[in-house]
């Protein structure tokens, strides 16, 4: 699965996630580019990424920085050492 993630840096949170099937890669890539251009032209600073994972649960594990705040990340990091 492909996940188009729109991340609000100033708030430290995900604004939107759009899910695509692997067979829709070209559509997902075009959507990412279109969104980045649109946000840039409007002067909106958001991070836009296209990520691949087997499920949203897997995505939340592999890309925790998009889904957890700094305190949660710090706790997770401290408990793994």
PDB file of N, CA and C in Angstrom:
ATOM      1  N   UNK A   1       0.839  -1.179   0.000  1.00  0.00           N
ATOM      2  CA  UNK A   1       0.000   0.000   0.000  1.00  0.00           C
ATOM      3  C   UNK A   1       0.884   1.242   0.000  1.00  0.00           C
ATOM      4  N   UNK A   2       0.354   2.274  -0.588  1.00  0.00           N
ATOM      5  CA  UNK A   2       1.039   3.561  -0.632  1.00  0.00           C
ATOM      6  C   UNK A   2       0.235   4.566   0.186  1.00  0.00           C
ATOM      7  N   UNK A   3       0.953   5.390   0.920  1.00  0.00           N
ATOM      8  CA  UNK A   3       0.310   6.364   1.793  1.00  0.00           C
ATOM      9  C   UNK A   3       0.838   7.751   1.461  1.00  0.00           C
ATOM     10  N   UNK A   4      -0.045   8.615   1.039  1.00  0.00           N
ATOM     11  CA  UNK A   4       0.294  10.008   0.796  1.00  0.00           C
ATOM     12  C   UNK A   4      -0.004  10.753   2.093  1.00  0.00           C
ATOM     13  N   UNK A   5       1.060  11.221   2.738  1.00  0.00           N
ATOM     14  CA  UNK A   5       0.928  11.848   4.051  1.00  0.00           C
ATOM     15  C   UNK A   5       1.184  13.345   3.925  1.00  0.00           C
ATOM     16  N   UNK A   6       0.226  14.101   4.421  1.00  0.00           N
ATOM     17  CA  UNK A   6       0.353  15.557   4.499  1.00  0.00           C
ATOM     18  C   UNK A   6       0.561  15.887   5.972  1.00  0.00           C
ATOM     19  N   UNK A   7       1.763  16.367   6.299  1.00  0.00           N
ATOM     20  CA  UNK A   7       2.165  16.571   7.687  1.00  0.00           C
ATOM     21  C   UNK A   7       2.278  18.048   8.003  1.00  0.00           C
ATOM     22  N   UNK A   8       1.606  18.453   9.050  1.00  0.00           N
ATOM     23  CA  UNK A   8       1.610  19.847   9.504  1.00  0.00           C
ATOM     24  C   UNK A   8       2.774  20.034  10.473  1.00  0.00           C
ATOM     25  N   UNK A   9       3.891  20.526   9.962  1.00  0.00           N
ATOM     26  CA  UNK A   9       5.101  20.671  10.786  1.00  0.00           C
ATOM     27  C   UNK A   9       4.876  21.542  12.009  1.00  0.00           C
ATOM     28  N   UNK A  10       4.206  22.670  11.831  1.00  0.00           N
ATOM     29  CA  UNK A  10       4.033  23.616  12.935  1.00  0.00           C
ATOM     30  C   UNK A  10       3.231  23.017  14.092  1.00  0.00           C
ATOM     31  N   UNK A  11       2.353  22.084  13.792  1.00  0.00           N
ATOM     32  CA  UNK A  11       1.548  21.437  14.829  1.00  0.00           C
ATOM     33  C   UNK A  11       2.118  20.086  15.246  1.00  0.00           C
ATOM     34  N   UNK A  12       3.013  19.549  14.435  1.00  0.00           N
ATOM     35  CA  UNK A  12       3.581  18.235  14.731  1.00  0.00           C
ATOM     36  C   UNK A  12       2.553  17.125  14.594  1.00  0.00           C
ATOM     37  N   UNK A  13       1.685  17.246  13.582  1.00  0.00           N
ATOM     38  CA  UNK A  13       0.654  16.229  13.416  1.00  0.00           C
ATOM     39  C   UNK A  13       0.303  16.024  11.941  1.00  0.00           C
ATOM     40  N   UNK A  14      -0.259  14.867  11.677  1.00  0.00           N
ATOM     41  CA  UNK A  14      -0.693  14.534  10.326  1.00  0.00           C
ATOM     42  C   UNK A  14      -1.992  15.282  10.026  1.00  0.00           C
ATOM     43  N   UNK A  15      -2.008  15.989   8.904  1.00  0.00           N
ATOM     44  CA  UNK A  15      -3.217  16.701   8.490  1.00  0.00           C
ATOM     45  C   UNK A  15      -4.135  15.786   7.700  1.00  0.00           C
ATOM     46  N   UNK A  16      -3.514  14.885   6.896  1.00  0.00           N
ATOM     47  CA  UNK A  16      -4.322  14.014   6.046  1.00  0.00           C
ATOM     48  C   UNK A  16      -3.477  12.840   5.555  1.00  0.00           C
ATOM     49  N   UNK A  17      -4.118  11.687   5.440  1.00  0.00           N
ATOM     50  CA  UNK A  17      -3.497  10.513   4.836  1.00  0.00           C
ATOM     51  C   UNK A  17      -4.430  10.012   3.743  1.00  0.00           C
ATOM     52  N   UNK A  18      -3.875   9.788   2.570  1.00  0.00           N
ATOM     53  CA  UNK A  18      -4.636   9.196   1.467  1.00  0.00           C
ATOM     54  C   UNK A  18      -3.965   7.884   1.116  1.00  0.00           C
ATOM     55  N   UNK A  19      -4.760   6.829   0.992  1.00  0.00           N
ATOM     56  CA  UNK A  19      -4.229   5.489   0.751  1.00  0.00           C
ATOM     57  C   UNK A  19      -4.438   5.096  -0.707  1.00  0.00           C
ATOM     58  N   UNK A  20      -3.390   4.517  -1.280  1.00  0.00           N
ATOM     59  CA  UNK A  20      -3.435   4.023  -2.661  1.00  0.00           C
ATOM     60  C   UNK A  20      -2.963   2.578  -2.680  1.00  0.00           C
ATOM     61  N   UNK A  21      -3.482   1.823  -3.606  1.00  0.00           N
ATOM     62  CA  UNK A  21      -2.995   0.466  -3.831  1.00  0.00           C
ATOM     63  C   UNK A  21      -1.659   0.552  -4.564  1.00  0.00           C
ATOM     64  N   UNK A  22      -0.848  -0.484  -4.437  1.00  0.00           N
ATOM     65  CA  UNK A  22       0.450  -0.495  -5.123  1.00  0.00           C
ATOM     66  C   UNK A  22       0.293  -0.294  -6.631  1.00  0.00           C
ATOM     67  N   UNK A  23      -0.782  -0.804  -7.183  1.00  0.00           N
ATOM     68  CA  UNK A  23      -1.019  -0.675  -8.622  1.00  0.00           C
ATOM     69  C   UNK A  23      -1.326   0.770  -9.034  1.00  0.00           C
ATOM     70  N   UNK A  24      -1.546   1.649  -8.064  1.00  0.00           N
ATOM     71  CA  UNK A  24      -1.866   3.049  -8.330  1.00  0.00           C
ATOM     72  C   UNK A  24      -0.665   3.969  -8.100  1.00  0.00           C
ATOM     73  N   UNK A  25       0.540   3.430  -8.192  1.00  0.00           N
ATOM     74  CA  UNK A  25       1.746   4.198  -7.883  1.00  0.00           C
ATOM     75  C   UNK A  25       1.833   5.499  -8.685  1.00  0.00           C
ATOM     76  N   UNK A  26       1.588   5.418  -9.987  1.00  0.00           N
ATOM     77  CA  UNK A  26       1.683   6.628 -10.808  1.00  0.00           C
ATOM     78  C   UNK A  26       0.659   7.666 -10.361  1.00  0.00           C
ATOM     79  N   UNK A  27      -0.546   7.247 -10.062  1.00  0.00           N
ATOM     80  CA  UNK A  27      -1.581   8.151  -9.570  1.00  0.00           C
ATOM     81  C   UNK A  27      -1.147   8.788  -8.247  1.00  0.00           C
ATOM     82  N   UNK A  28      -0.589   7.988  -7.350  1.00  0.00           N
ATOM     83  CA  UNK A  28      -0.140   8.486  -6.053  1.00  0.00           C
ATOM     84  C   UNK A  28       1.008   9.483  -6.214  1.00  0.00           C
ATOM     85  N   UNK A  29       1.956   9.175  -7.091  1.00  0.00           N
ATOM     86  CA  UNK A  29       3.085  10.089  -7.330  1.00  0.00           C
ATOM     87  C   UNK A  29       2.604  11.414  -7.912  1.00  0.00           C
ATOM     88  N   UNK A  30       1.656  11.341  -8.833  1.00  0.00           N
ATOM     89  CA  UNK A  30       1.098  12.568  -9.417  1.00  0.00           C
ATOM     90  C   UNK A  30       0.330  13.378  -8.377  1.00  0.00           C
ATOM     91  N   UNK A  31      -0.391  12.686  -7.497  1.00  0.00           N
ATOM     92  CA  UNK A  31      -1.128  13.373  -6.438  1.00  0.00           C
ATOM     93  C   UNK A  31      -0.169  14.063  -5.479  1.00  0.00           C
ATOM     94  N   UNK A  32       0.951  13.414  -5.146  1.00  0.00           N
ATOM     95  CA  UNK A  32       1.959  14.023  -4.271  1.00  0.00           C
ATOM     96  C   UNK A  32       2.519  15.296  -4.904  1.00  0.00           C
ATOM     97  N   UNK A  33       2.900  15.200  -6.166  1.00  0.00           N
ATOM     98  CA  UNK A  33       3.459  16.357  -6.859  1.00  0.00           C
ATOM     99  C   UNK A  33       2.441  17.498  -6.934  1.00  0.00           C
ATOM    100  N   UNK A  34       1.217  17.181  -7.305  1.00  0.00           N
ATOM    101  CA  UNK A  34       0.160  18.192  -7.402  1.00  0.00           C
ATOM    102  C   UNK A  34      -0.056  18.874  -6.047  1.00  0.00           C
ATOM    103  N   UNK A  35      -0.098  18.081  -4.980  1.00  0.00           N
ATOM    104  CA  UNK A  35      -0.316  18.644  -3.645  1.00  0.00           C
ATOM    105  C   UNK A  35       0.849  19.543  -3.235  1.00  0.00           C
ATOM    106  N   UNK A  36       2.071  19.097  -3.471  1.00  0.00           N
ATOM    107  CA  UNK A  36       3.230  19.919  -3.135  1.00  0.00           C
ATOM    108  C   UNK A  36       3.215  21.252  -3.885  1.00  0.00           C
ATOM    109  N   UNK A  37       2.924  21.202  -5.171  1.00  0.00           N
ATOM    110  CA  UNK A  37       2.868  22.433  -5.969  1.00  0.00           C
ATOM    111  C   UNK A  37       1.754  23.362  -5.490  1.00  0.00           C
ATOM    112  N   UNK A  38       0.607  22.787  -5.182  1.00  0.00           N
ATOM    113  CA  UNK A  38      -0.536  23.577  -4.700  1.00  0.00           C
ATOM    114  C   UNK A  38      -0.198  24.272  -3.376  1.00  0.00           C
ATOM    115  N   UNK A  39       0.353  23.514  -2.429  1.00  0.00           N
ATOM    116  CA  UNK A  39       0.694  24.086  -1.132  1.00  0.00           C
ATOM    117  C   UNK A  39       1.761  25.164  -1.273  1.00  0.00           C
ATOM    118  N   UNK A  40       2.760  24.891  -2.098  1.00  0.00           N
ATOM    119  CA  UNK A  40       3.845  25.861  -2.307  1.00  0.00           C
ATOM    120  C   UNK A  40       3.298  27.153  -2.921  1.00  0.00           C
ATOM    121  N   UNK A  41       2.429  27.034  -3.903  1.00  0.00           N
ATOM    122  CA  UNK A  41       1.877  28.227  -4.556  1.00  0.00           C
ATOM    123  C   UNK A  41       1.021  29.052  -3.601  1.00  0.00           C
ATOM    124  N   UNK A  42       0.468  28.393  -2.570  1.00  0.00           N
ATOM    125  CA  UNK A  42      -0.350  29.091  -1.581  1.00  0.00           C
ATOM    126  C   UNK A  42       0.464  29.558  -0.378  1.00  0.00           C
ATOM    127  N   UNK A  43       1.777  29.252  -0.394  1.00  0.00           N
ATOM    128  CA  UNK A  43       2.638  29.659   0.713  1.00  0.00           C
ATOM    129  C   UNK A  43       2.413  28.857   1.981  1.00  0.00           C
ATOM    130  N   UNK A  44       1.854  27.676   1.835  1.00  0.00           N
ATOM    131  CA  UNK A  44       1.582  26.811   2.981  1.00  0.00           C
ATOM    132  C   UNK A  44       2.752  25.838   3.143  1.00  0.00           C
ATOM    133  N   UNK A  45       3.337  25.831   4.334  1.00  0.00           N
ATOM    134  CA  UNK A  45       4.478  24.954   4.572  1.00  0.00           C
ATOM    135  C   UNK A  45       4.039  23.687   5.287  1.00  0.00           C
ATOM    136  N   UNK A  46       3.866  22.651   4.516  1.00  0.00           N
ATOM    137  CA  UNK A  46       3.564  21.320   5.046  1.00  0.00           C
ATOM    138  C   UNK A  46       4.518  20.344   4.386  1.00  0.00           C
ATOM    139  N   UNK A  47       4.787  19.276   5.090  1.00  0.00           N
ATOM    140  CA  UNK A  47       5.610  18.218   4.528  1.00  0.00           C
ATOM    141  C   UNK A  47       4.681  17.239   3.819  1.00  0.00           C
ATOM    142  N   UNK A  48       5.027  16.879   2.606  1.00  0.00           N
ATOM    143  CA  UNK A  48       4.227  15.937   1.829  1.00  0.00           C
ATOM    144  C   UNK A  48       5.135  14.781   1.432  1.00  0.00           C
ATOM    145  N   UNK A  49       4.763  13.573   1.850  1.00  0.00           N
ATOM    146  CA  UNK A  49       5.585  12.402   1.542  1.00  0.00           C
ATOM    147  C   UNK A  49       4.701  11.268   1.041  1.00  0.00           C
ATOM    148  N   UNK A  50       5.296  10.451   0.198  1.00  0.00           N
ATOM    149  CA  UNK A  50       4.638   9.243  -0.283  1.00  0.00           C
ATOM    150  C   UNK A  50       5.428   8.073   0.291  1.00  0.00           C
ATOM    151  N   UNK A  51       4.778   7.283   1.122  1.00  0.00           N
ATOM    152  CA  UNK A  51       5.440   6.185   1.824  1.00  0.00           C
ATOM    153  C   UNK A  51       4.787   4.861   1.458  1.00  0.00           C
ATOM    154  N   UNK A  52       5.564   3.804   1.533  1.00  0.00           N
ATOM    155  CA  UNK A  52       5.053   2.473   1.222  1.00  0.00           C
ATOM    156  C   UNK A  52       5.163   1.596   2.462  1.00  0.00           C
ATOM    157  N   UNK A  53       4.094   0.872   2.764  1.00  0.00           N
ATOM    158  CA  UNK A  53       4.069  -0.043   3.905  1.00  0.00           C
ATOM    159  C   UNK A  53       2.993  -1.095   3.649  1.00  0.00           C
ATOM    160  N   UNK A  54       3.082  -2.192   4.369  1.00  0.00           N
ATOM    161  CA  UNK A  54       2.108  -3.270   4.179  1.00  0.00           C
ATOM    162  C   UNK A  54       0.732  -2.914   4.734  1.00  0.00           C
ATOM    163  N   UNK A  55       0.702  -1.989   5.716  1.00  0.00           N
ATOM    164  CA  UNK A  55      -0.564  -1.555   6.318  1.00  0.00           C
ATOM    165  C   UNK A  55      -0.343  -0.224   7.018  1.00  0.00           C
ATOM    166  N   UNK A  56      -1.421   0.425   7.429  1.00  0.00           N
ATOM    167  CA  UNK A  56      -1.268   1.683   8.166  1.00  0.00           C
ATOM    168  C   UNK A  56      -0.608   1.421   9.513  1.00  0.00           C
ATOM    169  N   UNK A  57      -0.909   0.294  10.115  1.00  0.00           N
ATOM    170  CA  UNK A  57      -0.276  -0.070  11.380  1.00  0.00           C
ATOM    171  C   UNK A  57       1.245  -0.168  11.215  1.00  0.00           C
ATOM    172  N   UNK A  58       1.681  -0.816  10.148  1.00  0.00           N
ATOM    173  CA  UNK A  58       3.119  -0.918   9.871  1.00  0.00           C
ATOM    174  C   UNK A  58       3.713   0.462   9.627  1.00  0.00           C
ATOM    175  N   UNK A  59       3.002   1.311   8.904  1.00  0.00           N
ATOM    176  CA  UNK A  59       3.461   2.669   8.643  1.00  0.00           C
ATOM    177  C   UNK A  59       3.652   3.434   9.941  1.00  0.00           C
ATOM    178  N   UNK A  60       2.717   3.284  10.861  1.00  0.00           N
ATOM    179  CA  UNK A  60       2.804   3.978  12.151  1.00  0.00           C
ATOM    180  C   UNK A  60       3.998   3.500  12.974  1.00  0.00           C
ATOM    181  N   UNK A  61       4.442   2.278  12.752  1.00  0.00           N
ATOM    182  CA  UNK A  61       5.631   1.766  13.443  1.00  0.00           C
ATOM    183  C   UNK A  61       6.924   2.245  12.781  1.00  0.00           C
ATOM    184  N   UNK A  62       6.963   2.210  11.467  1.00  0.00           N
ATOM    185  CA  UNK A  62       8.199   2.551  10.756  1.00  0.00           C
ATOM    186  C   UNK A  62       8.424   4.055  10.609  1.00  0.00           C
ATOM    187  N   UNK A  63       7.369   4.831  10.690  1.00  0.00           N
ATOM    188  CA  UNK A  63       7.478   6.290  10.538  1.00  0.00           C
ATOM    189  C   UNK A  63       6.786   6.988  11.706  1.00  0.00           C
ATOM    190  N   UNK A  64       7.211   6.604  12.898  1.00  0.00           N
ATOM    191  CA  UNK A  64       6.567   7.089  14.126  1.00  0.00           C
ATOM    192  C   UNK A  64       6.592   8.607  14.260  1.00  0.00           C
ATOM    193  N   UNK A  65       7.592   9.268  13.722  1.00  0.00           N
ATOM    194  CA  UNK A  65       7.699  10.715  13.923  1.00  0.00           C
ATOM    195  C   UNK A  65       6.492  11.472  13.380  1.00  0.00           C
ATOM    196  N   UNK A  66       5.777  10.872  12.433  1.00  0.00           N
ATOM    197  CA  UNK A  66       4.587  11.527  11.896  1.00  0.00           C
ATOM    198  C   UNK A  66       3.360  11.338  12.798  1.00  0.00           C
ATOM    199  N   UNK A  67       3.411  10.339  13.671  1.00  0.00           N
ATOM    200  CA  UNK A  67       2.216   9.968  14.424  1.00  0.00           C
ATOM    201  C   UNK A  67       2.341  10.125  15.936  1.00  0.00           C
ATOM    202  N   UNK A  68       3.558  10.369  16.442  1.00  0.00           N
ATOM    203  CA  UNK A  68       3.767  10.516  17.877  1.00  0.00           C
ATOM    204  C   UNK A  68       4.379  11.878  18.160  1.00  0.00           C
ATOM    205  N   UNK A  69       4.050  12.416  19.329  1.00  0.00           N
ATOM    206  CA  UNK A  69       4.671  13.693  19.689  1.00  0.00           C
ATOM    207  C   UNK A  69       6.063  13.436  20.276  1.00  0.00           C
ATOM    208  N   UNK A  70       6.790  14.494  20.561  1.00  0.00           N
ATOM    209  CA  UNK A  70       8.166  14.361  21.038  1.00  0.00           C
ATOM    210  C   UNK A  70       8.260  13.574  22.340  1.00  0.00           C
ATOM    211  N   UNK A  71       7.316  13.774  23.249  1.00  0.00           N
ATOM    212  CA  UNK A  71       7.349  13.050  24.513  1.00  0.00           C
ATOM    213  C   UNK A  71       7.188  11.541  24.277  1.00  0.00           C
ATOM    214  N   UNK A  72       6.275  11.172  23.394  1.00  0.00           N
ATOM    215  CA  UNK A  72       6.078   9.750  23.085  1.00  0.00           C
ATOM    216  C   UNK A  72       7.308   9.148  22.429  1.00  0.00           C
ATOM    217  N   UNK A  73       7.921   9.885  21.516  1.00  0.00           N
ATOM    218  CA  UNK A  73       9.139   9.406  20.864  1.00  0.00           C
ATOM    219  C   UNK A  73      10.266   9.231  21.875  1.00  0.00           C
ATOM    220  N   UNK A  74      10.394  10.192  22.782  1.00  0.00           N
ATOM    221  CA  UNK A  74      11.445  10.115  23.797  1.00  0.00           C
ATOM    222  C   UNK A  74      11.230   8.914  24.720  1.00  0.00           C
ATOM    223  N   UNK A  75       9.988   8.675  25.130  1.00  0.00           N
ATOM    224  CA  UNK A  75       9.687   7.515  25.980  1.00  0.00           C
ATOM    225  C   UNK A  75      10.016   6.218  25.266  1.00  0.00           C
ATOM    226  N   UNK A  76       9.621   6.131  24.004  1.00  0.00           N
ATOM    227  CA  UNK A  76       9.899   4.927  23.229  1.00  0.00           C
ATOM    228  C   UNK A  76      11.397   4.706  23.070  1.00  0.00           C
ATOM    229  N   UNK A  77      12.120   5.775  22.846  1.00  0.00           N
ATOM    230  CA  UNK A  77      13.575   5.685  22.665  1.00  0.00           C
ATOM    231  C   UNK A  77      14.239   5.270  23.979  1.00  0.00           C
ATOM    232  N   UNK A  78      13.797   5.831  25.094  1.00  0.00           N
ATOM    233  CA  UNK A  78      14.390   5.508  26.389  1.00  0.00           C
ATOM    234  C   UNK A  78      14.109   4.060  26.787  1.00  0.00           C
ATOM    235  N   UNK A  79      12.942   3.565  26.462  1.00  0.00           N
ATOM    236  CA  UNK A  79      12.596   2.191  26.850  1.00  0.00           C
ATOM    237  C   UNK A  79      13.296   1.152  25.977  1.00  0.00           C
ATOM    238  N   UNK A  80      13.774   1.542  24.804  1.00  0.00           N
ATOM    239  CA  UNK A  80      14.446   0.588  23.921  1.00  0.00           C
ATOM    240  C   UNK A  80      15.944   0.496  24.184  1.00  0.00           C
ATOM    241  N   UNK A  81      16.461   1.350  25.077  1.00  0.00           N
ATOM    242  CA  UNK A  81      17.901   1.305  25.385  1.00  0.00           C
ATOM    243  C   UNK A  81      18.191   0.539  26.640  1.00  0.00           C
TER     244      UNK A  81
END
